PDB file of all heavy atoms in Angstrom:
ATOM      1  N   ARG A   1       7.725  26.314 -20.172  1.00  0.00           N
ATOM      2  CA  ARG A   1       6.792  26.547 -19.064  1.00  0.00           C
ATOM      3  C   ARG A   1       6.215  25.246 -18.537  1.00  0.00           C
ATOM      4  O   ARG A   1       5.615  25.214 -17.472  1.00  0.00           O
ATOM      5  CB  ARG A   1       5.680  27.485 -19.495  1.00  0.00           C
ATOM      6  CG  ARG A   1       6.190  28.902 -19.650  1.00  0.00           C
ATOM      7  CD  ARG A   1       5.121  29.933 -19.911  1.00  0.00           C
ATOM      8  NE  ARG A   1       3.766  29.530 -19.616  1.00  0.00           N
ATOM      9  CZ  ARG A   1       2.727  29.804 -20.406  1.00  0.00           C
ATOM     10  NH1 ARG A   1       2.892  30.471 -21.520  1.00  0.00           N
ATOM     11  NH2 ARG A   1       1.526  29.415 -20.066  1.00  0.00           N
ATOM     12  N   ALA A   2       6.375  24.158 -19.300  1.00  0.00           N
ATOM     13  CA  ALA A   2       5.951  22.826 -18.850  1.00  0.00           C
ATOM     14  C   ALA A   2       6.979  21.835 -19.369  1.00  0.00           C
ATOM     15  O   ALA A   2       7.630  22.075 -20.393  1.00  0.00           O
ATOM     16  CB  ALA A   2       4.564  22.483 -19.384  1.00  0.00           C
ATOM     17  N   MET A   3       7.123  20.728 -18.651  1.00  0.00           N
ATOM     18  CA  MET A   3       8.138  19.753 -19.051  1.00  0.00           C
ATOM     19  C   MET A   3       7.736  18.353 -18.595  1.00  0.00           C
ATOM     20  O   MET A   3       7.219  18.175 -17.495  1.00  0.00           O
ATOM     21  CB  MET A   3       9.481  20.113 -18.399  1.00  0.00           C
ATOM     22  CG  MET A   3      10.617  19.186 -18.770  1.00  0.00           C
ATOM     23  SD  MET A   3      12.148  19.535 -17.872  1.00  0.00           S
ATOM     24  CE  MET A   3      12.505  21.206 -18.361  1.00  0.00           C
ATOM     25  N   VAL A   4       7.968  17.371 -19.468  1.00  0.00           N
ATOM     26  CA  VAL A   4       7.875  15.973 -19.070  1.00  0.00           C
ATOM     27  C   VAL A   4       9.281  15.577 -18.641  1.00  0.00           C
ATOM     28  O   VAL A   4      10.220  15.606 -19.443  1.00  0.00           O
ATOM     29  CB  VAL A   4       7.369  15.066 -20.215  1.00  0.00           C
ATOM     30  CG1 VAL A   4       7.456  13.606 -19.808  1.00  0.00           C
ATOM     31  CG2 VAL A   4       5.940  15.417 -20.576  1.00  0.00           C
ATOM     32  N   ILE A   5       9.422  15.262 -17.369  1.00  0.00           N
ATOM     33  CA  ILE A   5      10.718  14.899 -16.822  1.00  0.00           C
ATOM     34  C   ILE A   5      11.115  13.503 -17.300  1.00  0.00           C
ATOM     35  O   ILE A   5      12.223  13.268 -17.756  1.00  0.00           O
ATOM     36  CB  ILE A   5      10.703  14.923 -15.276  1.00  0.00           C
ATOM     37  CG1 ILE A   5      10.216  16.259 -14.751  1.00  0.00           C
ATOM     38  CG2 ILE A   5      12.067  14.548 -14.712  1.00  0.00           C
ATOM     39  CD1 ILE A   5      11.096  17.428 -15.054  1.00  0.00           C
ATOM     40  N   THR A   6      10.189  12.567 -17.187  1.00  0.00           N
ATOM     41  CA  THR A   6      10.477  11.183 -17.542  1.00  0.00           C
ATOM     42  C   THR A   6       9.188  10.453 -17.904  1.00  0.00           C
ATOM     43  O   THR A   6       8.099  10.912 -17.585  1.00  0.00           O
ATOM     44  CB  THR A   6      11.188  10.461 -16.375  1.00  0.00           C
ATOM     45  OG1 THR A   6      11.668   9.192 -16.796  1.00  0.00           O
ATOM     46  CG2 THR A   6      10.288  10.289 -15.187  1.00  0.00           C
ATOM     47  N   GLU A   7       9.346   9.339 -18.575  1.00  0.00           N
ATOM     48  CA  GLU A   7       8.220   8.450 -18.873  1.00  0.00           C
ATOM     49  C   GLU A   7       8.582   7.044 -18.413  1.00  0.00           C
ATOM     50  O   GLU A   7       9.709   6.601 -18.599  1.00  0.00           O
ATOM     51  CB  GLU A   7       7.937   8.380 -20.373  1.00  0.00           C
ATOM     52  CG  GLU A   7       7.266   9.568 -20.948  1.00  0.00           C
ATOM     53  CD  GLU A   7       6.983   9.402 -22.429  1.00  0.00           C
ATOM     54  OE1 GLU A   7       7.593   8.526 -23.087  1.00  0.00           O
ATOM     55  OE2 GLU A   7       6.159  10.158 -22.928  1.00  0.00           O
ATOM     56  N   LEU A   8       7.615   6.393 -17.842  1.00  0.00           N
ATOM     57  CA  LEU A   8       7.696   4.965 -17.570  1.00  0.00           C
ATOM     58  C   LEU A   8       6.812   4.327 -18.629  1.00  0.00           C
ATOM     59  O   LEU A   8       5.688   4.772 -18.850  1.00  0.00           O
ATOM     60  CB  LEU A   8       7.171   4.652 -16.174  1.00  0.00           C
ATOM     61  CG  LEU A   8       7.956   5.320 -15.053  1.00  0.00           C
ATOM     62  CD1 LEU A   8       7.077   5.520 -13.838  1.00  0.00           C
ATOM     63  CD2 LEU A   8       9.167   4.495 -14.711  1.00  0.00           C
ATOM     64  N   TYR A   9       7.324   3.317 -19.315  1.00  0.00           N
ATOM     65  CA  TYR A   9       6.520   2.723 -20.370  1.00  0.00           C
ATOM     66  C   TYR A   9       6.636   1.204 -20.361  1.00  0.00           C
ATOM     67  O   TYR A   9       7.655   0.636 -19.995  1.00  0.00           O
ATOM     68  CB  TYR A   9       6.899   3.287 -21.743  1.00  0.00           C
ATOM     69  CG  TYR A   9       8.312   2.977 -22.198  1.00  0.00           C
ATOM     70  CD1 TYR A   9       8.565   1.920 -23.065  1.00  0.00           C
ATOM     71  CD2 TYR A   9       9.390   3.740 -21.758  1.00  0.00           C
ATOM     72  CE1 TYR A   9       9.861   1.643 -23.478  1.00  0.00           C
ATOM     73  CE2 TYR A   9      10.676   3.472 -22.166  1.00  0.00           C
ATOM     74  CZ  TYR A   9      10.897   2.412 -23.031  1.00  0.00           C
ATOM     75  OH  TYR A   9      12.185   2.128 -23.441  1.00  0.00           O
ATOM     76  N   ARG A  10       5.525   0.571 -20.738  1.00  0.00           N
ATOM     77  CA  ARG A  10       5.450  -0.891 -20.777  1.00  0.00           C
ATOM     78  C   ARG A  10       6.116  -1.384 -22.054  1.00  0.00           C
ATOM     79  O   ARG A  10       5.879  -0.855 -23.131  1.00  0.00           O
ATOM     80  CB  ARG A  10       3.984  -1.320 -20.733  1.00  0.00           C
ATOM     81  CG  ARG A  10       3.767  -2.660 -20.099  1.00  0.00           C
ATOM     82  CD  ARG A  10       2.288  -3.017 -20.074  1.00  0.00           C
ATOM     83  NE  ARG A  10       1.499  -2.252 -19.142  1.00  0.00           N
ATOM     84  CZ  ARG A  10       1.101  -2.687 -17.949  1.00  0.00           C
ATOM     85  NH1 ARG A  10       1.451  -3.873 -17.535  1.00  0.00           N
ATOM     86  NH2 ARG A  10       0.358  -1.936 -17.176  1.00  0.00           N
ATOM     87  N   HIS A  11       6.945  -2.387 -21.911  1.00  0.00           N
ATOM     88  CA  HIS A  11       7.713  -2.938 -23.025  1.00  0.00           C
ATOM     89  C   HIS A  11       7.630  -4.457 -22.925  1.00  0.00           C
ATOM     90  O   HIS A  11       7.470  -5.005 -21.849  1.00  0.00           O
ATOM     91  CB  HIS A  11       9.166  -2.462 -22.903  1.00  0.00           C
ATOM     92  CG  HIS A  11      10.052  -2.871 -24.016  1.00  0.00           C
ATOM     93  ND1 HIS A  11       9.981  -2.326 -25.276  1.00  0.00           N
ATOM     94  CD2 HIS A  11      11.051  -3.779 -24.061  1.00  0.00           C
ATOM     95  CE1 HIS A  11      10.896  -2.866 -26.043  1.00  0.00           C
ATOM     96  NE2 HIS A  11      11.551  -3.759 -25.331  1.00  0.00           N
ATOM     97  N   SER A  12       7.740  -5.133 -24.041  1.00  0.00           N
ATOM     98  CA  SER A  12       7.681  -6.592 -24.039  1.00  0.00           C
ATOM     99  C   SER A  12       9.079  -7.176 -24.268  1.00  0.00           C
ATOM    100  O   SER A  12       9.769  -6.806 -25.211  1.00  0.00           O
ATOM    101  CB  SER A  12       6.731  -7.071 -25.137  1.00  0.00           C
ATOM    102  OG  SER A  12       6.647  -8.470 -25.124  1.00  0.00           O
ATOM    103  N   VAL A  13       9.473  -8.067 -23.376  1.00  0.00           N
ATOM    104  CA  VAL A  13      10.755  -8.768 -23.500  1.00  0.00           C
ATOM    105  C   VAL A  13      10.454 -10.258 -23.451  1.00  0.00           C
ATOM    106  O   VAL A  13       9.978 -10.770 -22.440  1.00  0.00           O
ATOM    107  CB  VAL A  13      11.735  -8.377 -22.366  1.00  0.00           C
ATOM    108  CG1 VAL A  13      13.003  -9.205 -22.444  1.00  0.00           C
ATOM    109  CG2 VAL A  13      12.048  -6.895 -22.408  1.00  0.00           C
ATOM    110  N   GLY A  14      10.696 -10.920 -24.565  1.00  0.00           N
ATOM    111  CA  GLY A  14      10.411 -12.351 -24.634  1.00  0.00           C
ATOM    112  C   GLY A  14       8.949 -12.665 -24.417  1.00  0.00           C
ATOM    113  O   GLY A  14       8.621 -13.705 -23.852  1.00  0.00           O
ATOM    114  N   GLY A  15       8.086 -11.754 -24.837  1.00  0.00           N
ATOM    115  CA  GLY A  15       6.650 -11.951 -24.677  1.00  0.00           C
ATOM    116  C   GLY A  15       6.123 -11.572 -23.305  1.00  0.00           C
ATOM    117  O   GLY A  15       4.927 -11.665 -23.056  1.00  0.00           O
ATOM    118  N   ASN A  16       7.001 -11.145 -22.411  1.00  0.00           N
ATOM    119  CA  ASN A  16       6.595 -10.752 -21.066  1.00  0.00           C
ATOM    120  C   ASN A  16       6.662  -9.231 -20.923  1.00  0.00           C
ATOM    121  O   ASN A  16       7.656  -8.620 -21.310  1.00  0.00           O
ATOM    122  CB  ASN A  16       7.509 -11.400 -20.008  1.00  0.00           C
ATOM    123  CG  ASN A  16       7.410 -12.900 -20.035  1.00  0.00           C
ATOM    124  OD1 ASN A  16       6.315 -13.443 -20.050  1.00  0.00           O
ATOM    125  ND2 ASN A  16       8.546 -13.565 -20.045  1.00  0.00           N
ATOM    126  N   PRO A  17       5.628  -8.634 -20.337  1.00  0.00           N
ATOM    127  CA  PRO A  17       5.652  -7.181 -20.155  1.00  0.00           C
ATOM    128  C   PRO A  17       6.611  -6.784 -19.032  1.00  0.00           C
ATOM    129  O   PRO A  17       6.640  -7.407 -17.979  1.00  0.00           O
ATOM    130  CB  PRO A  17       4.203  -6.846 -19.796  1.00  0.00           C
ATOM    131  CG  PRO A  17       3.652  -8.103 -19.208  1.00  0.00           C
ATOM    132  CD  PRO A  17       4.381  -9.237 -19.870  1.00  0.00           C
ATOM    133  N   VAL A  18       7.405  -5.750 -19.301  1.00  0.00           N
ATOM    134  CA  VAL A  18       8.284  -5.152 -18.300  1.00  0.00           C
ATOM    135  C   VAL A  18       8.150  -3.642 -18.417  1.00  0.00           C
ATOM    136  O   VAL A  18       7.738  -3.129 -19.449  1.00  0.00           O
ATOM    137  CB  VAL A  18       9.768  -5.566 -18.485  1.00  0.00           C
ATOM    138  CG1 VAL A  18       9.951  -7.052 -18.278  1.00  0.00           C
ATOM    139  CG2 VAL A  18      10.287  -5.144 -19.836  1.00  0.00           C
ATOM    140  N   TRP A  19       8.485  -2.944 -17.368  1.00  0.00           N
ATOM    141  CA  TRP A  19       8.457  -1.489 -17.388  1.00  0.00           C
ATOM    142  C   TRP A  19       9.856  -0.962 -17.609  1.00  0.00           C
ATOM    143  O   TRP A  19      10.819  -1.473 -17.042  1.00  0.00           O
ATOM    144  CB  TRP A  19       7.893  -0.941 -16.080  1.00  0.00           C
ATOM    145  CG  TRP A  19       6.405  -1.096 -15.993  1.00  0.00           C
ATOM    146  CD1 TRP A  19       5.722  -2.124 -15.427  1.00  0.00           C
ATOM    147  CD2 TRP A  19       5.429  -0.197 -16.514  1.00  0.00           C
ATOM    148  NE1 TRP A  19       4.365  -1.919 -15.557  1.00  0.00           N
ATOM    149  CE2 TRP A  19       4.167  -0.744 -16.216  1.00  0.00           C
ATOM    150  CE3 TRP A  19       5.494   1.009 -17.197  1.00  0.00           C
ATOM    151  CZ2 TRP A  19       2.976  -0.112 -16.574  1.00  0.00           C
ATOM    152  CZ3 TRP A  19       4.320   1.639 -17.546  1.00  0.00           C
ATOM    153  CH2 TRP A  19       3.073   1.076 -17.244  1.00  0.00           C
ATOM    154  N   LYS A  20       9.960   0.078 -18.428  1.00  0.00           N
ATOM    155  CA  LYS A  20      11.231   0.742 -18.679  1.00  0.00           C
ATOM    156  C   LYS A  20      11.074   2.222 -18.363  1.00  0.00           C
ATOM    157  O   LYS A  20       9.967   2.739 -18.322  1.00  0.00           O
ATOM    158  CB  LYS A  20      11.670   0.567 -20.134  1.00  0.00           C
ATOM    159  CG  LYS A  20      12.089  -0.848 -20.459  1.00  0.00           C
ATOM    160  CD  LYS A  20      12.789  -0.894 -21.790  1.00  0.00           C
ATOM    161  CE  LYS A  20      13.419  -2.257 -21.991  1.00  0.00           C
ATOM    162  NZ  LYS A  20      14.408  -2.223 -23.044  1.00  0.00           N
ATOM    163  N   LEU A  21      12.200   2.882 -18.178  1.00  0.00           N
ATOM    164  CA  LEU A  21      12.217   4.300 -17.853  1.00  0.00           C
ATOM    165  C   LEU A  21      12.952   5.054 -18.939  1.00  0.00           C
ATOM    166  O   LEU A  21      14.012   4.630 -19.391  1.00  0.00           O
ATOM    167  CB  LEU A  21      12.948   4.511 -16.514  1.00  0.00           C
ATOM    168  CG  LEU A  21      13.097   5.944 -16.077  1.00  0.00           C
ATOM    169  CD1 LEU A  21      11.812   6.405 -15.400  1.00  0.00           C
ATOM    170  CD2 LEU A  21      14.261   6.078 -15.126  1.00  0.00           C
ATOM    171  N   ARG A  22      12.373   6.163 -19.363  1.00  0.00           N
ATOM    172  CA  ARG A  22      12.995   7.022 -20.375  1.00  0.00           C
ATOM    173  C   ARG A  22      13.121   8.423 -19.786  1.00  0.00           C
ATOM    174  O   ARG A  22      12.130   9.055 -19.434  1.00  0.00           O
ATOM    175  CB  ARG A  22      12.099   7.059 -21.620  1.00  0.00           C
ATOM    176  CG  ARG A  22      12.589   7.950 -22.718  1.00  0.00           C
ATOM    177  CD  ARG A  22      11.613   7.990 -23.903  1.00  0.00           C
ATOM    178  NE  ARG A  22      11.432   6.670 -24.471  1.00  0.00           N
ATOM    179  CZ  ARG A  22      10.248   6.139 -24.787  1.00  0.00           C
ATOM    180  NH1 ARG A  22       9.130   6.800 -24.608  1.00  0.00           N
ATOM    181  NH2 ARG A  22      10.175   4.933 -25.302  1.00  0.00           N
ATOM    182  N   ALA A  23      14.360   8.903 -19.628  1.00  0.00           N
ATOM    183  CA  ALA A  23      14.587  10.272 -19.161  1.00  0.00           C
ATOM    184  C   ALA A  23      14.386  11.197 -20.354  1.00  0.00           C
ATOM    185  O   ALA A  23      14.955  10.977 -21.414  1.00  0.00           O
ATOM    186  CB  ALA A  23      16.001  10.413 -18.613  1.00  0.00           C
ATOM    187  N   LEU A  24      13.579  12.228 -20.179  1.00  0.00           N
ATOM    188  CA  LEU A  24      13.255  13.088 -21.316  1.00  0.00           C
ATOM    189  C   LEU A  24      13.727  14.527 -21.142  1.00  0.00           C
ATOM    190  O   LEU A  24      14.531  15.010 -21.921  1.00  0.00           O
ATOM    191  CB  LEU A  24      11.739  13.086 -21.577  1.00  0.00           C
ATOM    192  CG  LEU A  24      11.177  11.782 -22.107  1.00  0.00           C
ATOM    193  CD1 LEU A  24       9.666  11.859 -22.206  1.00  0.00           C
ATOM    194  CD2 LEU A  24      11.760  11.461 -23.451  1.00  0.00           C
TER     195      LEU A  24
END
């Protein structure tokens, strides 16, 4: 009856923050 379609999450690459996408 409810669903999380996707998440955008902050991730660190080489000490720098980047955003990634996770299809759920």
